[in-house]
Protein backbone atom coordinates (compact mmCIF):
# COMPACT_ATOMS: atom_id res chain seq x y z
CA MET A 1 8.09 3.17 46.66
CA ASN A 2 8.01 6.59 47.97
CA VAL A 3 11.04 9.22 47.12
CA ALA A 4 11.26 12.97 47.96
CA PRO A 5 10.76 14.82 45.39
CA ARG A 6 13.65 17.36 44.16
CA THR A 7 13.76 20.44 41.93
CA ARG A 8 12.46 19.49 38.42
CA LEU A 9 15.16 19.15 35.91
CA ASN A 10 14.68 20.51 32.57
CA TYR A 11 15.59 18.89 29.09
CA LYS A 12 19.02 20.27 29.43
CA GLN A 13 19.70 19.34 32.82
CA ALA A 14 17.61 16.00 32.64
CA LEU A 15 20.51 15.54 29.83
CA ALA A 16 23.16 16.36 31.64
CA TRP A 17 22.63 13.99 34.56
CA LEU A 18 22.28 10.98 32.23
CA TYR A 19 25.25 11.60 30.64
CA GLY A 20 27.03 12.01 34.03
CA LEU A 21 26.20 8.62 34.57
CA GLN A 22 28.32 7.48 32.01
CA ARG A 23 31.26 7.48 34.84
CA PHE A 24 29.89 4.14 36.00
CA GLY A 25 30.87 2.84 32.54
CA ILE A 26 29.65 0.05 31.16
CA LYS A 27 28.37 -2.54 33.41
CA LEU A 28 26.39 -5.76 31.89
CA GLY A 29 23.76 -7.70 33.90
CA LEU A 30 19.91 -7.49 34.79
CA GLU A 31 20.02 -7.02 38.35
CA ASN A 32 20.23 -3.12 38.06
CA ILE A 33 17.55 -2.67 35.66
CA GLN A 34 14.99 -5.13 36.90
CA ARG A 35 14.90 -3.17 40.36
CA LEU A 36 14.18 -0.55 38.54
CA LEU A 37 11.16 -1.96 35.80
CA ASP A 38 9.80 -3.11 39.10
CA ASP A 39 10.02 0.43 40.62
CA CYS A 40 9.23 2.61 38.24
CA CYS A 41 7.66 0.56 35.21
CA SER A 42 5.78 -2.01 36.68
CA GLY A 43 3.15 -4.29 35.78
CA VAL A 44 2.74 -6.85 32.48
CA CYS A 45 2.32 -3.74 30.37
CA VAL A 46 6.17 -3.26 30.20
CA LYS A 47 7.78 -5.95 31.94
CA ARG A 48 6.81 -9.88 32.28
CA GLN A 49 8.07 -12.75 34.31
CA ALA A 50 6.28 -15.45 31.63
CA LEU A 51 4.09 -15.39 29.31
CA ALA A 52 1.53 -16.84 30.86
CA THR A 53 1.23 -13.28 32.60
CA ALA A 54 0.18 -11.77 29.06
CA SER A 55 -2.80 -10.24 28.64
CA ALA A 56 -4.90 -8.81 26.26
CA SER A 57 -3.66 -5.33 27.01
CA THR A 58 -0.05 -6.66 26.92
CA PRO A 59 2.30 -5.30 24.30
CA LYS A 60 4.04 -7.47 21.97
CA VAL A 61 7.74 -7.36 22.26
CA ILE A 62 10.30 -8.04 19.35
CA HIS A 63 13.92 -8.17 20.77
CA VAL A 64 16.42 -8.02 18.24
CA ALA A 65 20.45 -8.53 18.56
CA GLY A 66 23.49 -9.30 16.22
CA THR A 67 26.29 -6.91 15.15
CA ASN A 68 24.86 -5.56 12.14
CA GLY A 69 21.28 -4.61 10.83
CA LYS A 70 19.72 -4.43 14.37
CA GLY A 71 18.41 -0.60 13.27
CA SER A 72 17.62 -1.47 10.16
CA VAL A 73 15.29 -4.54 11.10
CA CYS A 74 13.73 -2.69 13.76
CA ALA A 75 13.34 0.64 11.95
CA MET A 76 11.39 -2.20 8.95
CA ILE A 77 9.46 -3.69 11.91
CA ASP A 78 8.36 -0.21 13.10
CA SER A 79 7.00 0.68 9.85
CA VAL A 80 5.39 -2.22 8.88
CA CYS A 81 3.48 -2.09 11.85
CA ARG A 82 2.68 1.27 12.29
CA ALA A 83 1.14 0.56 8.12
CA GLN A 84 -0.93 -2.21 9.44
CA GLY A 85 -2.47 0.40 12.50
CA TYR A 86 -0.44 -1.23 15.41
CA ARG A 87 0.75 1.74 17.91
CA THR A 88 4.44 0.75 18.22
CA GLY A 89 7.22 2.00 20.28
CA LEU A 90 10.68 1.72 19.16
CA PHE A 91 14.23 2.24 21.48
CA ILE A 92 17.29 1.84 19.73
CA SER A 93 20.46 2.82 19.70
CA PRO A 94 22.57 5.33 19.43
CA HIS A 95 21.39 8.44 18.34
CA LEU A 96 22.59 10.58 15.53
CA VAL A 97 21.85 13.87 16.28
CA THR A 98 19.54 13.94 19.06
CA PHE A 99 18.66 11.77 21.95
CA ARG A 100 15.41 11.29 21.82
CA GLU A 101 15.91 9.52 18.51
CA ARG A 102 16.39 6.03 19.96
CA ILE A 103 12.36 6.07 21.87
CA ARG A 104 9.83 6.85 19.49
CA VAL A 105 5.94 6.17 19.81
CA ASN A 106 4.26 5.87 16.50
CA GLY A 107 7.53 6.79 14.99
CA GLU A 108 7.32 10.13 16.76
CA MET A 109 9.67 11.02 19.11
CA ILE A 110 9.35 11.33 22.83
CA SER A 111 8.79 14.73 23.91
CA GLU A 112 11.55 16.68 25.73
CA ASP A 113 9.17 17.54 28.41
CA ALA A 114 8.34 13.81 28.62
CA VAL A 115 12.59 13.07 28.82
CA ALA A 116 12.25 15.86 31.41
CA ASP A 117 9.54 14.76 33.58
CA SER A 118 10.67 10.67 34.09
CA LEU A 119 14.43 12.02 33.82
CA THR A 120 13.78 13.49 37.19
CA MET A 121 11.46 10.88 38.91
CA ILE A 122 14.34 8.61 37.88
CA ARG A 123 17.13 10.67 39.34
CA ASP A 124 15.29 10.85 42.75
CA LEU A 125 14.56 6.61 42.81
CA ILE A 126 17.89 5.79 42.35
CA ALA A 127 19.86 8.66 44.25
CA ASP A 128 21.12 6.42 46.69
CA TRP A 129 21.51 3.05 44.50
CA ASP A 130 24.32 1.27 44.73
CA PRO A 131 25.70 -0.13 42.59
CA HIS A 132 24.07 2.84 40.84
CA PRO A 133 22.48 2.20 37.98
CA THR A 134 24.09 3.11 34.33
CA PHE A 135 23.54 5.46 31.39
CA PHE A 136 22.08 2.88 29.28
CA GLU A 137 20.25 0.95 32.00
CA VAL A 138 18.27 4.31 32.99
CA THR A 139 17.77 5.39 28.64
CA THR A 140 16.25 1.56 28.52
CA ALA A 141 13.91 1.97 31.63
CA LEU A 142 12.86 5.62 30.38
CA ALA A 143 11.99 3.99 27.50
CA LEU A 144 10.18 1.31 29.03
CA LYS A 145 7.93 3.85 31.17
CA HIS A 146 7.67 6.66 28.36
CA PHE A 147 6.27 3.18 26.26
CA ARG A 148 3.79 1.97 29.38
CA ASP A 149 2.58 5.62 29.41
CA ALA A 150 1.79 5.99 25.63
CA LYS A 151 -0.51 2.26 25.83
CA ILE A 152 1.63 0.81 23.07
CA ASN A 153 0.76 -2.31 21.32
CA ILE A 154 4.32 -3.63 20.54
CA ALA A 155 7.60 -2.97 21.83
CA ILE A 156 10.52 -3.18 19.55
CA LEU A 157 14.06 -3.43 21.52
CA GLU A 158 17.05 -2.82 20.08
CA THR A 159 20.06 -4.21 22.51
CA GLY A 160 22.60 -2.25 23.38
CA LEU A 161 25.80 -4.60 23.38
CA GLY A 162 25.75 -8.16 23.71
CA GLY A 163 22.60 -9.68 24.52
CA ARG A 164 22.92 -12.10 27.33
CA LEU A 165 23.64 -9.24 29.91
CA ASP A 166 22.08 -6.34 27.91
CA ALA A 167 19.40 -4.05 29.85
CA THR A 168 17.16 -5.24 27.18
CA ASN A 169 17.08 -8.51 28.19
CA ALA A 170 15.29 -8.17 31.09
CA VAL A 171 11.93 -7.71 29.55
CA GLN A 172 10.24 -11.36 28.18
CA SER A 173 9.82 -11.00 24.76
CA ASP A 174 7.40 -12.77 21.94
CA VAL A 175 10.39 -13.51 19.90
CA SER A 176 14.00 -13.22 20.06
CA VAL A 177 15.96 -11.87 16.32
CA ILE A 178 18.78 -11.75 16.06
CA THR A 179 21.01 -10.21 13.09
CA PRO A 180 24.32 -10.87 10.87
CA ILE A 181 26.80 -11.70 13.66
CA ASP A 182 30.63 -10.52 13.22
CA LEU A 183 33.46 -9.52 15.15
CA ASP A 184 32.93 -6.40 17.00
CA HIS A 185 33.42 -5.08 20.87
CA GLU A 186 35.67 -8.02 21.41
CA GLU A 187 36.59 -6.37 24.52
CA TRP A 188 33.44 -7.05 26.26
CA LEU A 189 31.49 -10.05 24.35
CA GLY A 190 34.89 -12.13 23.41
CA ASN A 191 37.33 -12.20 20.89
CA THR A 192 36.11 -15.67 18.20
CA LEU A 193 32.93 -15.45 16.23
CA ALA A 194 31.17 -18.44 18.65
CA GLN A 195 31.64 -16.28 21.87
CA ILE A 196 30.08 -12.96 20.59
CA ALA A 197 27.54 -15.60 18.94
CA GLY A 198 27.04 -16.66 22.10
CA GLU A 199 26.39 -13.18 24.00
CA LYS A 200 24.01 -12.46 21.63
CA ALA A 201 22.38 -16.06 21.29
CA GLY A 202 21.66 -14.74 24.89
CA ILE A 203 18.79 -13.66 24.34
CA ILE A 204 16.81 -16.90 23.30
CA LYS A 205 14.27 -17.70 26.07
CA PRO A 206 12.39 -20.10 26.89
CA ARG A 207 10.13 -21.52 24.05
CA VAL A 208 9.98 -17.93 22.76
CA PRO A 209 10.17 -17.92 18.85
CA VAL A 210 14.15 -17.23 17.33
CA VAL A 211 14.21 -15.19 14.05
CA SER A 212 17.83 -15.27 12.46
CA ALA A 213 19.47 -13.83 9.38
CA PRO A 214 21.93 -16.50 7.63
CA GLN A 215 24.87 -16.86 10.44
CA ARG A 216 28.29 -18.07 9.73
CA PRO A 217 28.68 -21.46 10.47
CA GLY A 218 30.18 -20.98 14.03
CA ALA A 219 27.59 -18.50 14.54
CA GLU A 220 24.87 -20.88 13.68
CA GLN A 221 25.78 -23.61 15.65
CA VAL A 222 25.84 -20.94 18.89
CA ILE A 223 22.40 -20.63 17.82
CA ARG A 224 21.06 -24.07 16.81
CA ALA A 225 22.28 -25.02 20.21
CA ARG A 226 20.75 -22.30 22.72
CA ALA A 227 17.35 -22.41 20.71
CA ALA A 228 17.60 -26.24 21.67
CA GLU A 229 18.14 -25.41 25.31
CA CYS A 230 15.26 -22.92 25.39
CA GLY A 231 13.25 -25.46 23.99
CA ALA A 232 12.70 -22.89 21.41
CA PRO A 233 11.55 -22.75 17.81
CA VAL A 234 14.12 -21.22 15.50
CA GLN A 235 14.23 -20.07 11.70
CA PHE A 236 16.87 -19.20 9.75
CA VAL A 237 15.57 -16.61 6.70
CA ASN A 238 17.79 -17.38 3.95
CA GLU A 239 15.38 -15.72 1.35
CA THR A 240 15.24 -12.43 0.23
CA TYR A 241 12.58 -9.98 0.07
CA HIS A 242 11.53 -8.96 -3.76
CA ALA A 243 7.85 -8.51 -3.95
CA SER A 244 8.14 -4.70 -3.80
CA PRO A 245 10.44 -1.93 -2.72
CA VAL A 246 12.52 -1.66 0.15
CA ALA A 247 12.79 1.71 0.52
CA LEU A 248 16.39 2.17 2.51
CA ARG A 249 19.48 0.93 -0.79
CA GLY A 250 21.73 -2.15 -0.95
CA ASP A 251 20.87 -5.97 -1.92
CA TYR A 252 21.50 -6.47 1.86
CA GLN A 253 18.69 -4.45 3.07
CA LYS A 254 16.37 -7.05 1.20
CA GLN A 255 17.53 -9.72 3.79
CA ASN A 256 17.17 -7.87 6.16
CA ALA A 257 13.35 -7.19 4.62
CA ALA A 258 12.80 -10.47 5.29
CA VAL A 259 14.04 -11.18 8.35
CA ALA A 260 11.59 -8.28 9.45
CA ILE A 261 8.39 -9.69 8.33
CA ALA A 262 9.94 -13.26 9.51
CA ALA A 263 9.94 -11.22 12.90
CA VAL A 264 6.43 -10.15 12.97
CA GLN A 265 5.00 -13.41 11.67
CA ALA A 266 6.53 -15.25 14.15
CA ALA A 267 5.30 -12.77 17.10
CA ASN A 268 1.77 -13.88 15.74
CA ILE A 269 1.08 -9.94 15.14
CA GLN A 270 -1.78 -10.22 11.88
CA LEU A 271 0.29 -7.88 9.42
CA GLY A 272 -1.44 -7.96 5.88
CA GLU A 273 0.40 -7.64 2.36
CA LYS A 274 -0.87 -3.92 1.67
CA ALA A 275 1.01 -3.19 5.02
CA ILE A 276 4.22 -4.83 4.32
CA VAL A 277 4.18 -2.82 0.82
CA ARG A 278 3.45 0.37 2.14
CA GLY A 279 5.82 -0.13 5.50
CA LEU A 280 8.74 -0.78 3.87
CA THR A 281 8.60 2.22 0.98
CA ALA A 282 7.91 5.08 3.44
CA ILE A 283 11.05 3.75 6.05
CA ASP A 284 13.53 6.87 6.73
CA TRP A 285 16.33 5.39 8.06
CA PRO A 286 19.22 8.21 7.89
CA ALA A 287 22.99 7.23 7.77
CA ARG A 288 22.11 3.54 6.84
CA PHE A 289 23.33 4.34 2.46
CA GLN A 290 21.53 7.53 2.75
CA LYS A 291 21.25 9.81 0.10
CA TRP A 292 21.85 13.31 1.32
CA ASP A 293 21.43 15.00 -2.47
CA GLU A 294 22.52 14.54 -6.15
CA ARG A 295 26.74 13.97 -4.39
CA ILE A 296 26.72 13.14 -1.71
CA ILE A 297 26.02 9.45 0.99
CA ILE A 298 25.95 9.15 4.36
CA ASP A 299 26.40 5.25 5.97
CA GLY A 300 26.92 4.72 9.79
CA ALA A 301 29.55 1.25 8.45
CA HIS A 302 31.37 1.11 11.98
CA ASN A 303 33.11 -2.39 11.72
CA PRO A 304 34.61 -4.52 8.97
CA SER A 305 32.01 -6.64 8.20
CA ALA A 306 29.74 -3.38 7.86
CA ALA A 307 32.63 -1.89 5.16
CA CYS A 308 32.37 -4.65 3.17
CA ILE A 309 28.94 -4.52 2.73
CA LEU A 310 28.95 -0.47 2.75
CA ALA A 311 31.85 -0.89 -0.45
CA GLN A 312 29.29 -4.19 -2.03
CA THR A 313 25.97 -1.74 -2.33
CA TRP A 314 28.31 1.62 -3.47
CA ARG A 315 29.60 -1.02 -6.59
CA GLU A 316 25.50 -2.06 -6.91
CA VAL A 317 24.44 1.63 -7.27
CA PHE A 318 27.57 3.51 -8.31
CA GLY A 319 29.18 0.44 -10.49
CA THR A 320 33.38 1.70 -11.59
CA LEU A 321 32.48 5.85 -10.02
CA LYS A 322 35.19 5.65 -7.21
CA ALA A 323 34.20 8.26 -4.47
CA THR A 324 35.78 10.88 -2.33
CA LEU A 325 35.90 9.69 0.98
CA VAL A 326 35.25 11.15 4.05
CA LEU A 327 36.59 8.80 6.75
CA ALA A 328 36.22 9.16 10.48
CA VAL A 329 36.43 5.79 12.96
CA LEU A 330 36.21 5.42 16.86
CA SER A 331 39.79 4.52 18.17
CA ASP A 332 38.39 1.04 19.74
CA LYS A 333 37.28 -0.45 15.84
CA ASP A 334 39.36 -2.11 13.49
CA LEU A 335 40.66 0.67 11.72
CA ARG A 336 42.56 -1.37 9.41
CA GLY A 337 39.71 -3.90 8.42
CA ILE A 338 37.54 -0.77 7.80
CA CYS A 339 40.38 1.13 5.75
CA GLU A 340 41.00 -2.26 3.83
CA ALA A 341 37.34 -2.02 2.97
CA LEU A 342 36.28 1.35 1.79
CA ALA A 343 40.01 2.06 -0.01
CA PRO A 344 38.96 0.23 -2.62
CA ILE A 345 35.67 2.32 -3.54
CA ALA A 346 37.86 5.38 -2.91
CA ASP A 347 39.78 7.48 -5.68
CA SER A 348 40.58 10.26 -3.02
CA ILE A 349 40.45 10.19 0.89
CA LEU A 350 39.45 12.91 3.90
CA LEU A 351 40.06 12.38 6.94
CA PRO A 352 38.38 14.80 9.59
CA LYS A 353 38.83 15.81 12.77
CA ILE A 354 35.85 15.50 14.83
CA ARG A 355 34.47 16.27 18.22
CA SER A 356 33.90 12.66 20.02
CA ASP A 357 36.81 11.96 22.54
CA ARG A 358 36.62 8.35 21.15
CA ALA A 359 37.18 9.21 17.91
CA ALA A 360 41.09 7.43 16.25
CA PRO A 361 43.10 10.96 15.31
CA PRO A 362 43.10 11.48 11.36
CA GLU A 363 46.98 11.02 11.65
CA ALA A 364 46.32 7.77 12.94
CA LEU A 365 44.13 6.54 10.21
CA ALA A 366 46.70 8.10 7.57
CA GLU A 367 49.33 5.88 9.00
CA VAL A 368 46.75 2.75 9.04
CA LEU A 369 45.75 3.20 4.98
CA ALA A 370 49.35 4.30 3.99
CA SER A 371 50.64 0.46 5.25
CA ILE A 372 47.49 -0.54 2.80
CA PRO A 373 49.66 -3.18 -0.24
CA SER A 374 46.79 -3.12 -1.86
CA ILE A 375 45.28 0.45 -1.22
CA CYS A 376 47.29 1.91 -4.91
CA ARG A 377 45.09 0.20 -7.69
CA ALA A 378 46.24 -0.60 -11.57
CA GLY A 379 45.45 2.87 -13.00
CA ALA A 380 45.63 4.09 -16.66
CA SER A 381 49.05 6.24 -17.54
CA PRO A 382 50.80 7.22 -20.16
CA ALA A 383 53.46 4.30 -19.31
CA GLY A 384 50.70 1.84 -18.54
CA ASN A 385 52.91 0.23 -15.49
CA ARG A 386 52.20 2.64 -12.93
CA ARG A 387 49.84 2.18 -10.18
CA ALA A 388 47.04 4.94 -9.35
CA CYS A 389 46.54 5.88 -5.32
CA PRO A 390 44.14 7.72 -3.66
CA THR A 391 45.36 10.95 -1.94
CA ILE A 392 45.34 11.01 1.30
CA SER A 393 44.34 14.39 3.42
CA ILE A 394 43.32 15.25 6.72
CA THR A 395 41.36 17.98 7.41
CA THR A 396 40.38 20.24 10.90
CA SER A 397 36.77 18.98 11.08
CA ILE A 398 33.84 18.14 8.72
CA GLY A 399 33.21 21.59 6.93
CA GLU A 400 36.66 21.98 4.80
CA ALA A 401 36.53 18.28 4.83
CA LEU A 402 33.58 18.79 3.19
CA ASP A 403 34.44 21.94 0.87
CA ARG A 404 37.26 19.87 -0.71
CA ALA A 405 35.22 17.03 -1.47
CA ARG A 406 32.97 19.30 -3.61
CA ALA A 407 35.73 20.43 -5.28
CA ASN A 408 36.41 16.85 -6.83
CA PRO A 409 33.63 15.48 -8.89
CA ASN A 410 33.28 12.18 -7.49
CA PRO A 411 30.07 11.45 -6.04
CA ILE A 412 31.22 11.64 -1.90
CA LEU A 413 31.00 8.79 1.37
CA ILE A 414 30.82 10.29 4.26
CA THR A 415 31.13 7.26 6.54
CA GLY A 416 33.38 5.15 9.63
CA SER A 417 30.31 5.28 12.25
CA LEU A 418 27.30 6.26 12.91
CA HIS A 419 28.90 9.07 15.14
CA PHE A 420 30.63 10.89 12.78
CA ALA A 421 27.20 9.96 10.72
CA GLY A 422 25.60 12.27 12.63
CA GLU A 423 27.98 14.66 13.02
CA ALA A 424 28.15 15.14 9.40
CA LEU A 425 24.05 15.15 9.42
CA ALA A 426 24.12 17.64 11.87
CA HIS A 427 26.56 19.94 9.78
CA LEU A 428 24.43 19.62 6.48
CA ARG A 429 21.16 20.25 8.15
CA GLY A 430 23.08 23.50 9.45
CA LYS A 431 22.14 22.86 13.00
CA PRO A 432 25.53 23.27 14.77
CA ALA A 433 25.60 19.94 17.77
CA ALA A 434 24.43 20.55 21.09
CA PHE A 435 25.01 19.51 24.24
CA GLU A 436 23.16 16.61 23.80
CA GLU A 437 24.70 15.53 20.22
CA CYS A 438 27.85 15.64 21.16
CA ALA A 439 27.73 14.16 24.43
CA GLN A 440 27.42 10.84 22.66
């Protein structure tokens, strides 16, 4: 398709244009992304209508959906495949600090020039489209174009929202991977576990193998039914990986590692034991129980299930030692569920005001925390019958919250959302967030 070129965008201009597409909101569906891939990413190297069209030069595609653990499983798959010598493309969301984190080839983030060049081309291509592609559709096309140009061997694609109608589902996969499913994004995916599982299981394609983490019964039934409908062999990975250390902390990451290895094997990708060991020990995946220094842990837990896993991991690592909890949560999340999961491991709680317009006001979080009956725990006191409750304080910024947290002797836990984890990482690195970093 010939499109009259306009002025080339530089990197900042390209991101400003891309984020401007957020005015189109979230539109679940595959029509626009299929058109985009046909026009700017044509060829079996990034898009295949049927497995029969694949050739020796066609990359393997591993497609990952689920509620929690998607990013960790994607990172593990990427790391072990690179350790085996494959050239990988990794597409994840959201980013923490810089947009470029979303698209990587062989572990290297996409360059600013590549972002600018490809977004300029896509902008010119879709200028008069109706309906106009969304932020995530364009970002997906950008990633797949970059992977095509880089001549990768393996593409690892993380769904953005759901699965069935997610833009990544326009790509023919070699294996469909489903991590643990729980309640999240109910306004888009449904109010029951079965409804949400139906959307996630929508990535299952005819005769393409399925690898799933252990699921609650309602979700497992949906996955099995969808797989049977598609004639797709399904494997539930109930064991955990213990053959060598995993760089990411927490017992649940050993389960993620087992899922990642099973996914690579199901895609008929040759993988040796040495590559598995090297890959799993070399993962660098920030904000997943990340140890920043001797006192600070950063984790992106953003729903009650993830918060429960975080609290469990905290106890595995720190025992009965309580945290100074620095907490910020997006307003569309289950505030009470997240607070109920994290409050028992907190000695004190700091609620900073953060940049995101989507963040719940600290005052609202304070009200939720104060209303939780179990937030007070039995504590030592002269009378022996009083309750010790964590103090709850509101701060004006992440900087003030960290200053106050460091004044306490307890280890510090920064959590509540990946957006907040990204802001905290930018602050700790001493690099104030630029346009791209605060416009998520």
